[in-house]
Amino acid sequence: MSVLEGRRVLLVEDESMVAMLAEDMLLDLGCDVVVAMRLDQALAQVEAGDFDLAVLDVNLGSTRSYPVADALFERCVPFLFATGYGLEGVEPDYRVVPVLQKPYQHAQMRRLLEHLLTCEDLPRKGGSSGGGFNCGCVGGHADKGGGGYRADAAR
């Protein structure tokens, strides 16, 4: 069983066809998916939901998804950015967050999402290990090396 099986994922994507493609990939990976297509919807979902992971399209029409990223940081929810511009499409303060290159590819999505659940290093705004976003979940778990997010069984 994959560590992604049963995980609740917030997908923030403003293009309906791209959202459907990404949602299908996440469903194929065994995830439960909630889709938000606008910034206000995404922020409301983060406030109301309990997510294990998130995939954020950087560009949401005329706005960016960085407020959602900040809310996820505050809640210690691991996430990645998705953009057709690669790392250059992400503001410098957020470049430590993994980037899923568009168009979405199943294997890359799976690898990056699994990495978010099993790696010891957390993405940090600004790249610093202190200040800014000190999540309470960092270093507080008894997984094999101490830090990071646990990949325990889905709820």
Foldseek 3Di string as FASTA:
>chain_A
DALLAAFEEEEEAQDVVLQVVVVVLSVVVNYHYDYDNALVRLVVCLVPHDGQEYEAAQDRDPHGNVVSVLSCLQVVRQYAYEYCVALVSDPQQQSLGHYQHPPHDNVSVSVNVSCQADPQDGRGGNPDPDPDRDYPQAQPDDPDPRGHHHSDHHD
